[in-house]
Protein backbone atom coordinates (compact mmCIF):
# COMPACT_ATOMS: atom_id res chain seq x y z
CA MET A 1 48.63 125.07 123.56
CA LEU A 2 51.32 123.33 125.35
CA CYS A 3 50.62 119.88 124.03
CA ASN A 4 50.52 121.79 120.64
CA ASP A 5 54.01 123.02 120.93
CA TYR A 6 55.24 119.74 122.01
CA THR A 7 53.71 117.95 119.07
CA THR A 8 55.13 120.37 116.58
CA LYS A 9 58.49 120.19 118.21
CA LEU A 10 58.47 116.30 118.05
CA LEU A 11 57.58 116.63 114.30
CA ASP A 12 60.14 119.33 113.67
CA MET A 13 57.39 121.75 112.38
CA GLU A 14 57.69 124.63 115.18
CA HIS A 15 57.02 127.05 112.12
CA MET A 16 53.49 125.53 111.85
CA GLU A 17 50.48 124.95 113.87
CA VAL A 18 48.63 121.60 114.39
CA LYS A 19 45.00 121.89 114.41
CA ASN A 20 44.00 118.21 114.82
CA ILE A 21 45.40 114.74 114.38
CA GLU A 22 43.59 111.50 112.98
CA VAL A 23 45.25 108.26 113.77
CA TYR A 24 44.76 105.33 111.35
CA PRO A 25 46.33 101.71 111.69
CA GLU A 26 48.74 102.51 108.71
CA ARG A 27 48.92 106.35 108.74
CA LEU A 28 48.64 109.69 110.54
CA ILE A 29 46.88 112.56 109.21
CA ILE A 30 47.65 116.01 110.69
CA TYR A 31 45.73 119.25 109.88
CA VAL A 32 48.04 122.07 109.86
CA GLU A 33 48.49 125.61 108.95
CA MET A 34 51.14 128.37 109.22
CA GLU A 35 50.75 131.41 111.42
CA ARG A 36 49.46 134.48 109.64
CA ARG A 37 52.04 137.25 109.25
CA ALA A 38 53.06 140.08 107.15
CA THR A 39 54.84 138.69 103.83
CA ARG A 40 56.71 140.47 101.45
CA CYS A 41 55.30 140.45 97.89
CA PRO A 42 57.76 138.57 95.39
CA CYS A 43 56.71 141.08 92.47
CA CYS A 44 56.97 144.70 94.00
CA GLY A 45 58.60 143.86 97.37
CA ALA A 46 55.85 145.53 99.49
CA GLU A 47 54.72 143.73 102.75
CA THR A 48 51.19 142.59 103.14
CA ASP A 49 49.10 140.50 105.45
CA ARG A 50 45.99 140.64 103.31
CA VAL A 51 44.75 137.01 102.76
CA HIS A 52 43.27 136.40 99.54
CA ASP A 53 42.01 132.69 100.08
CA TYR A 54 42.82 129.42 101.52
CA ARG A 55 43.27 125.99 99.65
CA GLU A 56 43.69 122.69 101.36
CA GLN A 57 46.71 120.58 100.08
CA THR A 58 47.48 116.92 100.87
CA VAL A 59 51.20 116.62 101.42
CA LYS A 60 53.30 113.59 102.11
CA ASP A 61 55.99 113.67 104.93
CA CYS A 62 58.56 111.26 106.61
CA PRO A 63 56.85 108.42 108.40
CA VAL A 64 56.37 108.48 112.16
CA GLN A 65 56.38 105.27 114.33
CA GLY A 66 56.14 103.18 111.29
CA LYS A 67 53.12 104.90 110.07
CA LYS A 68 52.85 107.29 106.84
CA LEU A 69 52.31 110.86 107.70
CA ILE A 70 50.00 112.81 105.60
CA TRP A 71 49.33 116.77 106.06
CA LYS A 72 46.00 118.32 105.34
CA TYR A 73 47.67 121.53 104.92
CA LYS A 74 45.56 124.80 105.08
CA LYS A 75 47.56 126.77 102.66
CA ARG A 76 47.22 130.49 102.67
CA ARG A 77 47.31 132.85 99.63
CA TYR A 78 48.09 136.65 100.06
CA ARG A 79 47.17 139.40 98.03
CA CYS A 80 49.62 142.29 97.55
CA GLU A 81 47.49 145.67 98.07
CA ASN A 82 50.23 147.61 96.21
CA CYS A 83 50.33 145.70 93.00
CA GLY A 84 47.62 143.23 93.20
CA LYS A 85 49.98 140.15 92.92
CA ARG A 86 48.45 136.93 94.41
CA PHE A 87 51.17 134.47 95.95
CA TYR A 88 51.43 131.57 98.36
CA GLU A 89 53.07 131.81 101.76
CA GLN A 90 56.61 130.13 101.70
CA ASN A 91 57.28 126.88 103.65
CA TRP A 92 60.74 125.70 103.82
CA LEU A 93 59.57 122.02 104.24
CA LEU A 94 57.47 122.15 101.15
CA PRO A 95 59.07 123.37 97.91
CA LYS A 96 57.09 125.26 95.39
CA PHE A 97 54.67 123.12 93.09
CA HIS A 98 55.40 120.03 95.36
CA ARG A 99 53.26 117.64 97.45
CA ILE A 100 56.06 115.94 99.05
CA THR A 101 58.33 117.38 101.69
CA ASN A 102 61.96 117.90 100.81
CA ARG A 103 62.89 115.81 103.99
CA LEU A 104 60.99 112.87 102.67
CA ALA A 105 63.01 112.87 99.45
CA LEU A 106 66.18 113.41 101.65
CA LEU A 107 65.27 110.30 103.59
CA ALA A 108 64.72 108.31 100.49
CA LEU A 109 68.35 109.32 99.17
CA ASN A 110 69.70 108.00 102.63
CA LYS A 111 67.93 104.88 102.31
CA LEU A 112 69.12 104.32 98.74
CA SER A 113 72.81 104.44 100.26
CA VAL A 114 72.08 101.12 101.96
CA LYS A 115 71.42 97.60 100.42
CA VAL A 116 67.46 97.95 99.89
CA SER A 117 65.55 97.86 96.83
CA ARG A 118 63.76 100.73 95.34
CA LYS A 119 60.63 99.02 95.55
CA ASP A 120 60.90 98.55 99.53
CA ILE A 121 61.70 102.00 99.92
CA ALA A 122 58.73 103.40 97.93
CA GLU A 123 56.37 101.04 99.82
CA GLU A 124 57.93 102.16 103.25
CA LEU A 125 57.66 105.77 102.39
CA GLY A 126 54.26 105.79 100.75
CA VAL A 127 55.56 106.91 97.03
CA SER A 128 55.82 105.42 93.87
CA GLU A 129 58.95 103.36 92.62
CA SER A 130 59.46 105.92 89.72
CA THR A 131 59.57 108.84 92.32
CA VAL A 132 62.22 106.96 94.24
CA CYS A 133 64.12 106.61 90.98
CA ARG A 134 63.55 110.16 90.10
CA TRP A 135 65.06 111.29 93.60
CA MET A 136 68.01 108.86 93.01
CA HIS A 137 69.13 111.07 90.46
CA LEU A 138 68.86 114.34 92.48
CA ALA A 139 72.40 113.48 93.98
CA PRO A 140 75.12 114.87 91.60
CA PHE A 141 77.82 112.24 90.67
CA SER A 142 79.62 114.05 87.77
CA LYS A 143 83.06 113.15 86.25
CA PRO A 144 85.88 113.79 88.97
CA LYS A 145 88.20 116.78 88.16
CA LYS A 146 91.30 115.09 88.91
CA LEU A 147 92.90 111.57 89.18
CA PRO A 148 94.34 110.26 92.57
CA THR A 149 97.89 109.22 93.12
CA VAL A 150 96.90 105.80 93.47
CA LEU A 151 94.58 104.70 90.77
CA SER A 152 92.86 101.01 90.57
CA ILE A 153 91.00 99.50 87.76
CA ASP A 154 88.78 96.51 87.40
CA GLU A 155 85.69 95.14 85.54
CA PHE A 156 82.65 93.48 86.56
CA ARG A 157 79.67 91.92 85.02
CA GLY A 158 76.94 94.61 85.07
CA ASN A 159 74.85 93.44 82.11
CA ALA A 160 73.50 97.12 81.72
CA GLY A 161 73.06 99.44 78.92
CA GLY A 162 73.56 96.71 76.25
CA GLU A 163 77.03 95.62 77.68
CA LYS A 164 77.84 92.67 79.53
CA PHE A 165 80.85 94.33 81.48
CA GLN A 166 81.48 97.57 82.88
CA CYS A 167 84.60 99.20 84.20
CA ILE A 168 85.18 100.48 87.74
CA LEU A 169 87.88 103.02 88.65
CA THR A 170 88.68 103.50 92.34
CA ALA A 171 90.94 105.57 94.54
CA PRO A 172 92.15 102.66 97.24
CA THR A 173 94.08 104.98 99.40
CA GLU A 174 90.78 107.27 99.64
CA LYS A 175 88.25 104.30 99.89
CA ARG A 176 86.08 105.86 97.29
CA ILE A 177 84.91 104.88 93.83
CA LEU A 178 86.29 107.21 91.08
CA ASP A 179 83.78 106.37 88.65
CA ILE A 180 81.67 103.59 86.66
CA LEU A 181 82.05 103.49 83.02
CA GLY A 182 79.56 101.89 80.74
CA ASP A 183 81.98 99.05 79.13
CA ARG A 184 85.43 97.78 79.67
CA LYS A 185 86.70 98.49 75.97
CA GLU A 186 90.06 100.03 75.70
CA ARG A 187 88.87 102.86 73.69
CA THR A 188 86.29 103.97 76.14
CA ILE A 189 88.56 103.92 79.14
CA PHE A 190 91.37 105.60 77.29
CA ASN A 191 89.11 108.47 76.10
CA TYR A 192 87.88 108.81 79.57
CA LEU A 193 91.20 109.05 81.41
CA LYS A 194 93.03 111.14 78.68
CA GLU A 195 91.01 114.21 79.59
CA PHE A 196 92.30 114.58 83.07
CA PRO A 197 95.00 117.12 83.35
CA ASN A 198 96.98 115.56 86.31
CA LYS A 199 97.88 112.27 84.67
CA LYS A 200 101.47 112.74 85.52
CA ASP A 201 100.33 112.87 89.36
CA VAL A 202 99.36 109.11 89.30
CA LYS A 203 102.26 107.26 90.90
CA TYR A 204 100.64 103.89 91.07
CA PHE A 205 98.40 102.06 88.72
CA VAL A 206 96.94 98.78 90.10
CA THR A 207 95.20 96.46 87.71
CA ASP A 208 94.71 92.68 87.21
CA MET A 209 96.60 90.95 84.32
CA ARG A 210 95.13 92.37 81.26
CA LYS A 211 97.46 93.63 78.54
CA GLU A 212 95.11 96.45 77.48
CA TYR A 213 95.10 97.95 80.79
CA VAL A 214 99.09 97.93 81.04
CA SER A 215 99.80 99.18 77.55
CA MET A 216 97.12 102.09 78.34
CA ALA A 217 98.76 102.80 81.54
CA LYS A 218 102.15 103.21 79.86
CA ILE A 219 100.83 105.70 77.51
CA LEU A 220 98.68 107.79 79.93
CA PHE A 221 100.60 107.67 83.05
CA PRO A 222 104.38 107.92 82.35
CA ASN A 223 105.30 108.55 86.05
CA ALA A 224 103.17 105.52 87.39
CA LYS A 225 104.46 102.33 88.66
CA ILE A 226 102.14 99.30 87.30
CA VAL A 227 101.24 96.94 90.02
CA ILE A 228 99.55 93.64 89.47
CA ASP A 229 97.04 92.71 92.30
CA LYS A 230 98.43 89.96 94.37
CA PHE A 231 94.99 88.36 94.62
CA HIS A 232 94.80 87.40 90.92
CA VAL A 233 98.37 85.69 91.16
CA VAL A 234 97.50 83.62 94.27
CA ARG A 235 94.29 82.25 92.61
CA TYR A 236 96.38 80.67 89.99
CA CYS A 237 98.45 78.93 92.49
CA THR A 238 94.98 77.66 94.44
CA TRP A 239 93.46 76.56 90.92
CA ALA A 240 96.80 74.58 90.07
CA PHE A 241 96.82 72.80 93.43
CA GLU A 242 93.08 72.02 93.34
CA ASN A 243 93.52 70.67 89.81
CA VAL A 244 96.36 68.14 91.22
CA ARG A 245 94.13 67.21 94.16
CA LYS A 246 91.26 66.47 91.77
CA ARG A 247 93.50 64.33 89.55
CA VAL A 248 94.87 62.36 92.49
CA GLN A 249 91.38 61.64 94.16
CA LYS A 250 89.88 60.21 90.94
CA ALA A 251 91.95 57.19 91.36
CA LEU A 252 91.02 56.65 95.09
CA SER A 253 88.27 54.84 96.62
CA ASP A 254 84.79 56.43 97.16
CA GLU A 255 85.62 56.87 100.90
CA LYS A 256 89.03 58.20 100.36
CA ARG A 257 87.76 60.40 97.68
CA LYS A 258 85.02 61.80 99.74
CA TYR A 259 87.56 62.31 102.55
CA PHE A 260 89.77 64.27 100.42
CA LYS A 261 87.06 66.63 99.19
CA ARG A 262 85.91 67.26 102.58
CA SER A 263 89.41 67.94 103.70
CA ARG A 264 90.39 70.35 100.70
CA THR A 265 90.40 73.48 103.12
CA LEU A 266 93.00 71.62 105.41
CA LEU A 267 95.21 71.23 102.19
CA LEU A 268 94.82 74.74 100.97
CA LYS A 269 95.47 76.42 104.36
CA HIS A 270 98.95 77.58 105.07
CA LYS A 271 101.11 74.95 106.95
CA ASP A 272 101.94 77.38 109.52
CA ASP A 273 98.24 78.00 110.21
CA LEU A 274 97.43 74.37 111.12
CA ASN A 275 97.32 72.95 114.58
CA ASP A 276 99.05 69.49 115.44
CA ASP A 277 96.12 67.42 114.59
CA ASP A 278 95.65 69.04 111.33
CA LYS A 279 99.19 68.57 110.35
CA LEU A 280 99.00 64.94 111.22
CA ALA A 281 95.91 64.56 108.98
CA VAL A 282 97.77 66.48 105.97
CA SER A 283 100.81 64.37 106.20
CA LYS A 284 98.76 61.20 106.03
CA MET A 285 96.93 62.40 102.99
CA LEU A 286 100.25 63.52 101.36
CA GLU A 287 101.73 60.19 101.91
CA ILE A 288 99.10 58.59 99.50
CA ASN A 289 100.48 60.19 96.29
CA LYS A 290 103.65 61.91 95.43
CA ALA A 291 102.30 64.21 92.90
CA LEU A 292 99.91 65.67 95.51
CA ALA A 293 102.90 65.83 98.13
CA ASP A 294 104.94 67.81 95.22
CA ALA A 295 101.96 70.09 94.70
CA TYR A 296 101.72 70.82 98.45
CA LEU A 297 105.30 71.81 98.53
CA MET A 298 105.07 73.85 95.55
CA LYS A 299 102.01 75.85 97.11
CA GLU A 300 104.03 76.28 100.29
CA LYS A 301 106.95 77.51 98.38
CA PHE A 302 104.60 79.96 96.62
CA TYR A 303 103.38 81.17 99.91
CA TYR A 304 106.77 81.67 101.04
CA PHE A 305 107.48 84.04 97.86
CA MET A 306 104.08 85.85 98.67
CA SER A 307 105.13 86.73 102.14
CA SER A 308 108.51 88.53 100.97
CA ARG A 309 108.95 92.00 102.62
CA ASN A 310 110.02 93.66 99.37
CA SER A 311 110.68 93.06 95.69
CA THR A 312 114.50 92.07 96.23
CA GLU A 313 113.56 89.31 98.70
CA ALA A 314 110.60 88.44 96.35
CA ARG A 315 112.76 88.19 93.24
CA ASP A 316 115.13 85.59 95.12
CA ARG A 317 112.22 83.55 96.42
CA LEU A 318 110.71 83.63 92.99
CA LYS A 319 113.76 82.01 91.52
CA GLN A 320 113.79 79.29 94.19
CA PHE A 321 110.26 78.55 93.18
CA ALA A 322 111.01 78.32 89.55
CA MET A 323 113.89 75.78 90.31
CA PHE A 324 111.49 73.78 92.55
CA ASN A 325 109.01 73.71 89.71
CA ALA A 326 111.50 72.69 87.24
CA ALA A 327 112.29 69.64 89.40
CA THR A 328 108.50 68.56 89.96
CA GLN A 329 107.19 69.35 86.55
CA LEU A 330 103.45 69.34 87.50
CA PRO A 331 101.47 70.17 84.25
CA GLU A 332 98.66 71.67 86.45
CA PHE A 333 101.39 74.44 87.64
CA GLU A 334 102.17 75.66 84.08
CA PRO A 335 99.70 78.52 83.86
CA LEU A 336 100.86 79.78 87.07
CA ILE A 337 104.45 79.63 85.87
CA ARG A 338 103.68 81.57 82.69
CA VAL A 339 101.95 84.34 84.65
CA LEU A 340 104.91 84.73 86.81
CA SER A 341 107.22 84.76 84.09
CA ASN A 342 105.02 87.23 81.85
CA TRP A 343 104.26 89.58 84.39
CA SER A 344 106.88 89.35 86.97
CA GLU A 345 108.00 92.99 86.79
CA TYR A 346 104.48 94.19 87.58
CA ILE A 347 103.93 91.54 90.31
CA LEU A 348 107.03 92.44 92.06
CA ASN A 349 106.25 96.09 92.30
CA ALA A 350 103.40 94.91 94.63
CA PHE A 351 105.89 93.95 97.22
CA ASP A 352 107.37 97.31 97.60
CA CYS A 353 104.18 99.49 97.65
CA GLY A 354 101.74 97.08 99.15
CA TYR A 355 98.84 98.47 97.11
CA THR A 356 96.10 95.79 95.86
CA ASN A 357 92.85 95.45 94.40
CA GLY A 358 91.24 94.76 97.73
CA PHE A 359 89.17 97.65 97.88
CA THR A 360 88.00 97.59 94.40
CA GLU A 361 87.07 93.78 94.87
CA GLY A 362 85.04 94.73 97.86
CA CYS A 363 83.03 97.31 95.67
CA ASN A 364 82.54 94.56 93.26
CA ASN A 365 80.88 92.45 95.76
CA LYS A 366 78.59 95.36 96.98
CA ILE A 367 77.73 95.70 93.42
CA LYS A 368 76.74 92.01 93.00
CA VAL A 369 74.46 92.43 96.04
CA LEU A 370 72.85 95.60 94.57
CA LYS A 371 72.13 93.75 91.27
CA ARG A 372 70.77 90.93 93.15
CA ILE A 373 68.43 93.12 95.13
CA ALA A 374 67.20 95.08 91.93
CA PHE A 375 66.95 91.85 89.97
CA GLY A 376 69.49 93.38 87.64
CA TYR A 377 69.54 96.72 85.76
CA ARG A 378 68.70 97.63 82.11
CA SER A 379 69.72 101.32 82.62
CA PHE A 380 73.33 101.77 83.01
CA SER A 381 72.70 105.49 84.43
CA ASN A 382 70.53 104.01 87.25
CA MET A 383 72.97 101.42 87.99
CA ARG A 384 75.80 103.86 88.13
CA GLN A 385 73.79 106.42 90.02
CA ARG A 386 72.80 103.59 92.78
CA ILE A 387 76.53 102.25 92.92
CA LEU A 388 77.81 105.59 93.78
CA LEU A 389 75.06 106.48 96.28
CA SER A 390 75.63 103.18 98.14
CA THR A 391 79.50 103.66 98.25
CA ASN A 392 80.74 107.34 97.98
CA ALA A 393 77.44 108.82 99.83
CA THR A 394 78.14 107.01 102.86
């Protein structure tokens, strides 16, 4: 009796009695039943302890020590002496009409919150993949009731539901995904956001350089300051410098060209982050070509601009950067100059608030991993549910 008590305690089944255990290489089979006791009739409310019959039910439970756990449950059916109603005993681990415990479903939901495929989860828990998919939709992720004060927007390539791109809305200060939309079309996003009652409470709208997002934010969020994410500006500078390096190294010998390609990280790194040996190596590379030296100075001027502490300081440094560009006239930097000219108002806003799309881009990286694990998603609802489970549920 003492061993039996410890067994049920270990399995968190103290309301049941373990009659026997069979051990196999891949599974454990336990024979269990509940204690007979007076039970209230669900029809008339009268108490009865008269047993009508027993039926053995096979039930799947959470794995134990890496082995699948299966009950052989001797289920008792009572008969009410008052009204004649026949009913099964209640078991809090096993919902009505189920052959899988509720804690096994909960375990599957917890595993869905990490980067594991549904197929692997199904094999580990001993259920079908369609069952795991059905459980995945048990977690409610409905449309939020209000918008955060800081709203971030971006798109990612989801290839789900017949659309190549989907839209992600996040609350970066709260570190959570607000919602995933089926496409990135302006009409879809506008109709989704216009229904929120607290649009005036949005103080910052963080986005990349898409005219549709900016024009939409001006209409929907009159009190919001539009902020262009710094990362999307920095990469224009990186692309420009890399294009100059590629143009210069094409005219070099094979040995020097390979050396330049291997040393690209030294050239891209901020000058203040280089040690003495690295600085010497960079200076020797810059002596080879004047265009490369000018591009390197342009890059450093741009980093100096990006390190500004506020928008006033950034505006002054941006003027210096524009003057230096006018003197060098490198064609590779023209796209960066156009971006800074067309979006300067919203880029400068980022220096005062410090908000970026960093959290949103991190979520996009998680989405790429989930897509790769699943070999892509055809169903948008399945993809949305898995994304929200893997981020907001943790």
